[in-house]
């Protein structure tokens, strides 16, 4: 199933919605980023404000084309001239398993390789997060190593060009 989505830059106004996601423990089961405190919308606004203008980060909201509903985040962090670190989460659980992660990943990788002209992208995926691992593998990410419960995966521009880009 192809998810009909687009990416737009994350904005401070997104904090009202994303703060709810930050307090939903089910969303963070397979991540390294579990908050131990309640995140208020004000805290989330400040966090977004601190992040969105960093030169070595590109943070995007994932939105539905037909309604413009904001349903998740995808980002490139620690961007260098050659590479970046990839992160993705779908905050609106009713869109899990609907192809959103795959479509958003393809869009972000196209941006990373064609616009930013990066050579490689890396991510860490929890070994038990079979849905995410399947998405990343289908796109062309290859396992590099495992550390604890996380598998480091990578993809380079040549590998992405070798697969069908259908987002």
N, C-alpha and C. Protein backbone atom coordinates (compact mmCIF):
# COMPACT_ATOMS: atom_id res chain seq x y z
N UNK A 1 0.85 -1.19 0.00
CA UNK A 1 0.00 0.00 0.00
C UNK A 1 0.88 1.24 0.00
N UNK A 2 0.62 2.15 -0.90
CA UNK A 2 1.37 3.38 -0.97
C UNK A 2 0.66 4.44 -0.13
N UNK A 3 1.37 4.98 0.85
CA UNK A 3 0.80 6.03 1.68
C UNK A 3 0.90 7.35 0.93
N UNK A 4 -0.18 8.08 0.89
CA UNK A 4 -0.22 9.37 0.19
C UNK A 4 0.16 10.47 1.18
N UNK A 5 1.46 10.71 1.28
CA UNK A 5 1.98 11.64 2.28
C UNK A 5 2.94 12.64 1.64
N UNK A 6 3.27 13.65 2.41
CA UNK A 6 4.33 14.59 2.02
C UNK A 6 5.09 14.96 3.28
N UNK A 7 6.28 15.50 3.08
CA UNK A 7 7.10 15.98 4.18
C UNK A 7 7.15 17.50 4.12
N UNK A 8 7.13 18.10 5.30
CA UNK A 8 7.32 19.56 5.41
C UNK A 8 8.22 19.80 6.61
N UNK A 9 8.91 20.93 6.64
CA UNK A 9 9.76 21.21 7.81
C UNK A 9 8.94 21.21 9.10
N UNK A 10 9.52 20.66 10.13
CA UNK A 10 8.90 20.68 11.46
C UNK A 10 8.82 22.13 11.93
N UNK A 11 7.72 22.49 12.59
CA UNK A 11 7.55 23.85 13.09
C UNK A 11 7.22 23.83 14.58
N UNK A 12 7.38 24.95 15.21
CA UNK A 12 7.08 25.08 16.64
C UNK A 12 5.61 24.77 16.90
N UNK A 13 4.74 25.11 15.96
CA UNK A 13 3.31 24.85 16.12
C UNK A 13 3.00 23.36 16.21
N UNK A 14 3.90 22.51 15.73
CA UNK A 14 3.69 21.07 15.80
C UNK A 14 3.76 20.53 17.23
N UNK A 15 4.26 21.33 18.15
CA UNK A 15 4.46 20.88 19.54
C UNK A 15 3.17 20.45 20.22
N UNK A 16 2.06 21.05 19.89
CA UNK A 16 0.80 20.68 20.53
C UNK A 16 0.48 19.21 20.28
N UNK A 17 0.73 18.77 19.06
CA UNK A 17 0.47 17.37 18.71
C UNK A 17 1.63 16.47 19.16
N UNK A 18 2.85 16.87 18.86
CA UNK A 18 3.98 15.98 19.15
C UNK A 18 4.21 15.79 20.64
N UNK A 19 3.79 16.74 21.46
CA UNK A 19 3.94 16.55 22.91
C UNK A 19 3.06 15.38 23.38
N UNK A 20 1.91 15.17 22.75
CA UNK A 20 1.06 14.03 23.09
C UNK A 20 1.77 12.73 22.75
N UNK A 21 2.44 12.70 21.61
CA UNK A 21 3.18 11.50 21.21
C UNK A 21 4.32 11.22 22.17
N UNK A 22 4.97 12.26 22.61
CA UNK A 22 6.13 12.08 23.51
C UNK A 22 5.72 11.46 24.84
N UNK A 23 4.44 11.57 25.19
CA UNK A 23 3.95 11.02 26.45
C UNK A 23 3.23 9.68 26.27
N UNK A 24 3.28 9.12 25.07
CA UNK A 24 2.64 7.84 24.79
C UNK A 24 3.71 6.75 24.80
N UNK A 25 3.80 5.96 25.87
CA UNK A 25 4.89 4.98 25.97
C UNK A 25 4.88 3.92 24.87
N UNK A 26 3.72 3.63 24.28
CA UNK A 26 3.66 2.62 23.23
C UNK A 26 4.47 3.05 21.99
N UNK A 27 4.51 4.34 21.73
CA UNK A 27 5.25 4.84 20.57
C UNK A 27 6.75 4.64 20.75
N UNK A 28 7.22 4.65 21.98
CA UNK A 28 8.66 4.66 22.26
C UNK A 28 9.22 3.30 22.68
N UNK A 29 8.44 2.25 22.56
CA UNK A 29 8.86 0.92 23.01
C UNK A 29 10.20 0.51 22.40
N UNK A 30 10.40 0.78 21.13
CA UNK A 30 11.59 0.30 20.43
C UNK A 30 12.65 1.39 20.21
N UNK A 31 12.62 2.46 20.97
CA UNK A 31 13.58 3.53 20.74
C UNK A 31 14.51 3.71 21.93
N UNK A 32 15.53 4.52 21.70
CA UNK A 32 16.47 4.88 22.77
C UNK A 32 16.02 6.14 23.49
N UNK A 33 14.94 6.77 23.02
CA UNK A 33 14.56 8.10 23.47
C UNK A 33 13.29 8.10 24.30
N UNK A 34 13.29 7.43 25.40
CA UNK A 34 12.12 7.37 26.27
C UNK A 34 12.25 8.47 27.33
N UNK A 35 11.25 9.33 27.41
CA UNK A 35 11.27 10.38 28.42
C UNK A 35 10.82 9.82 29.76
N UNK A 36 11.50 10.23 30.79
CA UNK A 36 11.15 9.78 32.15
C UNK A 36 10.25 10.79 32.85
N UNK A 37 9.97 11.91 32.17
CA UNK A 37 9.09 12.93 32.74
C UNK A 37 7.96 13.23 31.76
N UNK A 38 6.90 13.84 32.26
CA UNK A 38 5.80 14.27 31.41
C UNK A 38 6.26 15.47 30.58
N UNK A 39 6.05 15.42 29.27
CA UNK A 39 6.45 16.50 28.37
C UNK A 39 5.23 17.38 28.10
N UNK A 40 5.29 18.63 28.54
CA UNK A 40 4.20 19.58 28.30
C UNK A 40 4.35 20.17 26.89
N UNK A 41 3.28 20.74 26.33
CA UNK A 41 3.40 21.42 25.04
C UNK A 41 4.46 22.53 25.08
N UNK A 42 4.57 23.22 26.20
CA UNK A 42 5.57 24.29 26.33
C UNK A 42 6.98 23.71 26.26
N UNK A 43 7.21 22.60 26.92
CA UNK A 43 8.52 21.94 26.86
C UNK A 43 8.83 21.49 25.44
N UNK A 44 7.84 20.95 24.77
CA UNK A 44 8.02 20.48 23.39
C UNK A 44 8.29 21.64 22.45
N UNK A 45 7.59 22.77 22.64
CA UNK A 45 7.86 23.95 21.82
C UNK A 45 9.30 24.40 21.97
N UNK A 46 9.78 24.43 23.19
CA UNK A 46 11.17 24.84 23.44
C UNK A 46 12.14 23.86 22.81
N UNK A 47 11.84 22.58 22.91
CA UNK A 47 12.70 21.55 22.32
C UNK A 47 12.77 21.72 20.80
N UNK A 48 11.60 21.90 20.17
CA UNK A 48 11.57 22.10 18.72
C UNK A 48 12.31 23.37 18.34
N UNK A 49 12.08 24.45 19.08
CA UNK A 49 12.77 25.71 18.81
C UNK A 49 14.28 25.51 18.84
N UNK A 50 14.76 24.76 19.80
CA UNK A 50 16.20 24.50 19.94
C UNK A 50 16.74 23.65 18.79
N UNK A 51 15.91 22.84 18.17
CA UNK A 51 16.37 21.88 17.16
C UNK A 51 16.24 22.35 15.71
N UNK A 52 15.20 23.09 15.38
CA UNK A 52 14.86 23.30 13.97
C UNK A 52 15.85 24.17 13.18
N UNK A 53 16.66 24.94 13.85
CA UNK A 53 17.61 25.79 13.11
C UNK A 53 19.04 25.27 13.15
N UNK A 54 19.23 24.07 13.65
CA UNK A 54 20.58 23.51 13.66
C UNK A 54 21.00 23.18 12.22
N UNK A 55 22.20 23.58 11.88
CA UNK A 55 22.71 23.38 10.52
C UNK A 55 22.95 21.91 10.19
N UNK A 56 23.22 21.10 11.21
CA UNK A 56 23.53 19.69 10.95
C UNK A 56 22.33 18.77 11.21
N UNK A 57 21.12 19.34 11.15
CA UNK A 57 19.90 18.56 11.34
C UNK A 57 18.82 19.04 10.37
N UNK A 58 18.08 18.12 9.82
CA UNK A 58 16.91 18.42 8.98
C UNK A 58 15.76 17.60 9.55
N UNK A 59 14.78 18.30 10.11
CA UNK A 59 13.65 17.65 10.77
C UNK A 59 12.37 17.97 10.00
N UNK A 60 11.59 16.91 9.73
CA UNK A 60 10.39 17.05 8.93
C UNK A 60 9.18 16.44 9.62
N UNK A 61 8.03 17.04 9.37
CA UNK A 61 6.74 16.48 9.76
C UNK A 61 6.25 15.62 8.61
N UNK A 62 5.68 14.47 8.93
CA UNK A 62 5.04 13.62 7.93
C UNK A 62 3.56 13.97 7.97
N UNK A 63 3.00 14.33 6.81
CA UNK A 63 1.60 14.77 6.74
C UNK A 63 0.86 14.02 5.63
N UNK A 64 -0.43 13.82 5.85
CA UNK A 64 -1.29 13.20 4.84
C UNK A 64 -1.64 14.23 3.78
N UNK A 65 -1.54 13.85 2.52
CA UNK A 65 -1.84 14.79 1.43
C UNK A 65 -3.29 15.24 1.42
N UNK A 66 -4.20 14.32 1.68
CA UNK A 66 -5.62 14.66 1.52
C UNK A 66 -6.17 15.56 2.63
N UNK A 67 -5.56 15.51 3.83
CA UNK A 67 -6.09 16.30 4.95
C UNK A 67 -5.06 17.23 5.59
N UNK A 68 -3.80 17.10 5.21
CA UNK A 68 -2.68 17.82 5.83
C UNK A 68 -2.45 17.43 7.29
N UNK A 69 -3.06 16.33 7.73
CA UNK A 69 -2.88 15.89 9.12
C UNK A 69 -1.43 15.53 9.36
N UNK A 70 -0.90 16.02 10.45
CA UNK A 70 0.46 15.75 10.90
C UNK A 70 0.43 14.42 11.66
N UNK A 71 1.21 13.42 11.17
CA UNK A 71 1.10 12.09 11.76
C UNK A 71 2.42 11.50 12.26
N UNK A 72 3.53 12.18 12.03
CA UNK A 72 4.80 11.64 12.49
C UNK A 72 5.96 12.55 12.15
N UNK A 73 7.15 12.10 12.53
CA UNK A 73 8.38 12.85 12.28
C UNK A 73 9.40 11.96 11.59
N UNK A 74 10.22 12.60 10.78
CA UNK A 74 11.35 11.92 10.15
C UNK A 74 12.47 12.94 10.07
N UNK A 75 13.69 12.48 10.30
CA UNK A 75 14.78 13.46 10.36
C UNK A 75 16.13 12.87 10.02
N UNK A 76 17.01 13.78 9.62
CA UNK A 76 18.42 13.50 9.44
C UNK A 76 19.16 14.28 10.50
N UNK A 77 19.98 13.59 11.28
CA UNK A 77 20.75 14.22 12.35
C UNK A 77 22.23 14.00 12.11
N UNK A 78 23.05 14.78 12.79
CA UNK A 78 24.50 14.66 12.69
C UNK A 78 24.95 14.65 11.23
N UNK A 79 24.39 15.56 10.44
CA UNK A 79 24.72 15.65 9.02
C UNK A 79 26.14 16.17 8.85
N UNK A 80 26.91 15.46 8.04
CA UNK A 80 28.25 15.90 7.66
C UNK A 80 28.25 16.09 6.14
N UNK A 81 29.39 16.35 5.56
CA UNK A 81 29.49 16.48 4.11
C UNK A 81 29.21 15.15 3.41
N UNK A 82 29.37 14.05 4.13
CA UNK A 82 29.25 12.72 3.54
C UNK A 82 28.03 11.91 3.99
N UNK A 83 27.61 12.08 5.26
CA UNK A 83 26.63 11.15 5.81
C UNK A 83 25.70 11.83 6.81
N UNK A 84 24.71 11.05 7.26
CA UNK A 84 23.77 11.53 8.27
C UNK A 84 23.17 10.32 8.98
N UNK A 85 22.55 10.61 10.12
CA UNK A 85 21.85 9.61 10.92
C UNK A 85 20.35 9.80 10.69
N UNK A 86 19.64 8.71 10.46
CA UNK A 86 18.23 8.70 10.08
C UNK A 86 17.37 8.31 11.27
N UNK A 87 16.25 9.04 11.47
CA UNK A 87 15.28 8.71 12.52
C UNK A 87 13.87 8.86 11.96
N UNK A 88 12.98 7.98 12.40
CA UNK A 88 11.60 7.98 11.93
C UNK A 88 10.68 7.51 13.05
N UNK A 89 9.54 8.16 13.19
CA UNK A 89 8.47 7.58 14.00
C UNK A 89 7.12 8.09 13.52
N UNK A 90 6.15 7.22 13.60
CA UNK A 90 4.77 7.57 13.27
C UNK A 90 4.06 7.73 14.60
N UNK A 91 3.62 8.94 14.92
CA UNK A 91 3.00 9.22 16.20
C UNK A 91 1.53 8.85 16.27
N UNK A 92 0.86 8.89 15.14
CA UNK A 92 -0.56 8.53 15.10
C UNK A 92 -0.66 7.03 14.82
N UNK A 93 -0.95 6.27 15.87
CA UNK A 93 -0.89 4.81 15.79
C UNK A 93 -1.81 4.20 14.74
N UNK A 94 -2.92 4.88 14.41
CA UNK A 94 -3.84 4.31 13.41
C UNK A 94 -3.19 4.24 12.03
N UNK A 95 -2.03 4.88 11.85
CA UNK A 95 -1.33 4.83 10.57
C UNK A 95 -0.16 3.85 10.58
N UNK A 96 0.02 3.12 11.67
CA UNK A 96 1.05 2.08 11.70
C UNK A 96 0.63 0.97 10.74
N UNK A 97 1.58 0.45 10.00
CA UNK A 97 1.30 -0.65 9.08
C UNK A 97 0.57 -0.24 7.81
N UNK A 98 0.53 1.05 7.52
CA UNK A 98 -0.20 1.55 6.35
C UNK A 98 0.73 2.03 5.23
N UNK A 99 2.03 1.78 5.36
CA UNK A 99 2.97 2.20 4.32
C UNK A 99 3.55 3.58 4.52
N UNK A 100 3.17 4.26 5.59
CA UNK A 100 3.65 5.63 5.84
C UNK A 100 5.16 5.65 6.06
N UNK A 101 5.66 4.73 6.87
CA UNK A 101 7.09 4.70 7.15
C UNK A 101 7.92 4.48 5.90
N UNK A 102 7.47 3.57 5.05
CA UNK A 102 8.18 3.30 3.80
C UNK A 102 8.18 4.54 2.91
N UNK A 103 7.00 5.12 2.69
CA UNK A 103 6.90 6.30 1.81
C UNK A 103 7.71 7.47 2.34
N UNK A 104 7.61 7.72 3.63
CA UNK A 104 8.35 8.84 4.23
C UNK A 104 9.85 8.60 4.13
N UNK A 105 10.27 7.36 4.33
CA UNK A 105 11.70 7.03 4.24
C UNK A 105 12.24 7.28 2.84
N UNK A 106 11.50 6.86 1.83
CA UNK A 106 11.93 7.08 0.45
C UNK A 106 12.05 8.57 0.16
N UNK A 107 11.06 9.36 0.60
CA UNK A 107 11.11 10.80 0.38
C UNK A 107 12.33 11.43 1.05
N UNK A 108 12.60 11.03 2.28
CA UNK A 108 13.74 11.61 3.00
C UNK A 108 15.06 11.17 2.38
N UNK A 109 15.16 9.93 1.96
CA UNK A 109 16.39 9.45 1.34
C UNK A 109 16.65 10.15 0.00
N UNK A 110 15.60 10.38 -0.77
CA UNK A 110 15.77 11.14 -2.01
C UNK A 110 16.33 12.54 -1.69
N UNK A 111 15.77 13.17 -0.68
CA UNK A 111 16.25 14.49 -0.26
C UNK A 111 17.71 14.41 0.16
N UNK A 112 18.05 13.42 0.97
CA UNK A 112 19.41 13.28 1.48
C UNK A 112 20.42 13.06 0.36
N UNK A 113 20.10 12.18 -0.57
CA UNK A 113 21.06 11.83 -1.61
C UNK A 113 21.05 12.80 -2.79
N UNK A 114 19.89 13.32 -3.16
CA UNK A 114 19.82 14.18 -4.34
C UNK A 114 19.96 15.67 -4.00
N UNK A 115 19.36 16.11 -2.91
CA UNK A 115 19.45 17.53 -2.56
C UNK A 115 20.70 17.84 -1.73
N UNK A 116 20.92 17.05 -0.70
CA UNK A 116 22.08 17.28 0.17
C UNK A 116 23.35 16.63 -0.38
N UNK A 117 23.18 15.75 -1.35
CA UNK A 117 24.29 15.05 -2.00
C UNK A 117 25.15 14.26 -1.01
N UNK A 118 24.48 13.63 -0.04
CA UNK A 118 25.18 12.78 0.91
C UNK A 118 25.54 11.45 0.24
N UNK A 119 26.52 10.77 0.80
CA UNK A 119 26.94 9.47 0.26
C UNK A 119 26.34 8.30 1.01
N UNK A 120 26.05 8.48 2.30
CA UNK A 120 25.53 7.36 3.09
C UNK A 120 24.66 7.85 4.24
N UNK A 121 23.72 6.99 4.61
CA UNK A 121 22.80 7.25 5.71
C UNK A 121 22.83 6.03 6.62
N UNK A 122 22.83 6.29 7.93
CA UNK A 122 22.86 5.23 8.92
C UNK A 122 21.67 5.36 9.86
N UNK A 123 21.28 4.24 10.46
CA UNK A 123 20.21 4.25 11.46
C UNK A 123 20.46 3.12 12.44
N UNK A 124 19.82 3.21 13.58
CA UNK A 124 19.79 2.14 14.57
C UNK A 124 18.35 1.69 14.70
N UNK A 125 18.11 0.40 14.59
CA UNK A 125 16.77 -0.15 14.73
C UNK A 125 16.80 -1.22 15.82
N UNK A 126 15.79 -1.21 16.67
CA UNK A 126 15.68 -2.20 17.73
C UNK A 126 15.48 -3.58 17.08
N UNK A 127 16.21 -4.56 17.55
CA UNK A 127 16.14 -5.91 16.98
C UNK A 127 14.74 -6.51 17.03
N UNK A 128 13.92 -6.10 17.98
CA UNK A 128 12.55 -6.62 18.09
C UNK A 128 11.54 -5.84 17.27
N UNK A 129 11.96 -4.74 16.65
CA UNK A 129 11.05 -3.92 15.85
C UNK A 129 11.04 -4.48 14.42
N UNK A 130 10.35 -5.59 14.26
CA UNK A 130 10.35 -6.30 12.99
C UNK A 130 9.73 -5.48 11.86
N UNK A 131 8.73 -4.69 12.16
CA UNK A 131 8.09 -3.87 11.12
C UNK A 131 9.08 -2.85 10.57
N UNK A 132 9.78 -2.14 11.45
CA UNK A 132 10.76 -1.15 10.99
C UNK A 132 11.91 -1.82 10.25
N UNK A 133 12.41 -2.93 10.80
CA UNK A 133 13.52 -3.64 10.15
C UNK A 133 13.12 -4.05 8.74
N UNK A 134 11.90 -4.53 8.58
CA UNK A 134 11.40 -4.94 7.26
C UNK A 134 11.35 -3.76 6.29
N UNK A 135 10.87 -2.61 6.76
CA UNK A 135 10.83 -1.40 5.91
C UNK A 135 12.24 -1.05 5.46
N UNK A 136 13.15 -0.95 6.41
CA UNK A 136 14.51 -0.52 6.08
C UNK A 136 15.19 -1.49 5.12
N UNK A 137 15.00 -2.77 5.35
CA UNK A 137 15.61 -3.79 4.48
C UNK A 137 15.03 -3.70 3.07
N UNK A 138 13.72 -3.51 2.97
CA UNK A 138 13.05 -3.40 1.67
C UNK A 138 13.57 -2.19 0.89
N UNK A 139 13.85 -1.11 1.59
CA UNK A 139 14.35 0.10 0.95
C UNK A 139 15.79 -0.09 0.46
N UNK A 140 16.55 -0.92 1.15
CA UNK A 140 17.93 -1.15 0.74
C UNK A 140 18.96 -0.97 1.83
N UNK A 141 18.52 -0.65 3.06
CA UNK A 141 19.46 -0.58 4.18
C UNK A 141 20.02 -1.97 4.43
N UNK A 142 21.30 -2.03 4.76
CA UNK A 142 21.97 -3.30 5.07
C UNK A 142 22.44 -3.28 6.52
N UNK A 143 22.27 -4.40 7.23
CA UNK A 143 22.80 -4.47 8.60
C UNK A 143 24.33 -4.35 8.57
N UNK A 144 24.85 -3.59 9.52
CA UNK A 144 26.30 -3.39 9.63
C UNK A 144 26.84 -4.09 10.86
N UNK A 145 26.15 -3.88 11.97
CA UNK A 145 26.57 -4.50 13.23
C UNK A 145 25.44 -4.44 14.23
N UNK A 146 25.53 -5.23 15.28
CA UNK A 146 24.55 -5.19 16.36
C UNK A 146 25.25 -4.86 17.65
N UNK A 147 24.64 -3.95 18.41
CA UNK A 147 25.14 -3.57 19.72
C UNK A 147 23.98 -3.64 20.70
N UNK A 148 23.99 -4.64 21.56
CA UNK A 148 22.87 -4.83 22.47
C UNK A 148 21.62 -5.16 21.67
N UNK A 149 20.56 -4.43 21.94
CA UNK A 149 19.28 -4.68 21.27
C UNK A 149 19.12 -3.90 19.97
N UNK A 150 20.15 -3.14 19.58
CA UNK A 150 20.03 -2.30 18.38
C UNK A 150 20.94 -2.78 17.26
N UNK A 151 20.38 -2.76 16.05
CA UNK A 151 21.11 -3.12 14.84
C UNK A 151 21.43 -1.84 14.08
N UNK A 152 22.68 -1.61 13.81
CA UNK A 152 23.07 -0.47 12.98
C UNK A 152 22.95 -0.90 11.53
N UNK A 153 22.26 -0.06 10.73
CA UNK A 153 22.06 -0.34 9.31
C UNK A 153 22.52 0.87 8.51
N UNK A 154 22.87 0.65 7.27
CA UNK A 154 23.30 1.74 6.41
C UNK A 154 22.86 1.54 4.98
N UNK A 155 22.81 2.65 4.26
CA UNK A 155 22.51 2.64 2.83
C UNK A 155 23.34 3.74 2.20
N UNK A 156 23.79 3.49 0.99
CA UNK A 156 24.53 4.53 0.28
C UNK A 156 23.76 4.96 -0.96
N UNK A 157 24.19 6.05 -1.55
CA UNK A 157 23.47 6.62 -2.70
C UNK A 157 23.38 5.61 -3.84
N UNK A 158 24.42 4.85 -4.08
CA UNK A 158 24.39 3.85 -5.16
C UNK A 158 23.35 2.79 -4.91
N UNK A 159 23.22 2.35 -3.67
CA UNK A 159 22.22 1.32 -3.34
C UNK A 159 20.82 1.85 -3.54
N UNK A 160 20.59 3.09 -3.14
CA UNK A 160 19.25 3.66 -3.29
C UNK A 160 18.89 3.77 -4.76
N UNK A 161 19.82 4.18 -5.60
CA UNK A 161 19.55 4.32 -7.02
C UNK A 161 19.24 2.97 -7.66
N UNK A 162 19.73 1.89 -7.05
CA UNK A 162 19.54 0.55 -7.61
C UNK A 162 18.15 -0.02 -7.34
N UNK A 163 17.41 0.59 -6.40
CA UNK A 163 16.07 0.08 -6.11
C UNK A 163 15.02 1.00 -6.73
N UNK A 164 13.82 0.54 -6.80
CA UNK A 164 12.73 1.34 -7.36
C UNK A 164 12.26 2.35 -6.33
N UNK A 165 12.27 3.60 -6.71
CA UNK A 165 11.83 4.67 -5.81
C UNK A 165 10.39 5.02 -6.17
N UNK A 166 9.47 4.57 -5.32
CA UNK A 166 8.06 4.72 -5.67
C UNK A 166 7.27 5.51 -4.64
N UNK A 167 7.92 6.41 -3.93
CA UNK A 167 7.17 7.19 -2.93
C UNK A 167 6.49 8.36 -3.59
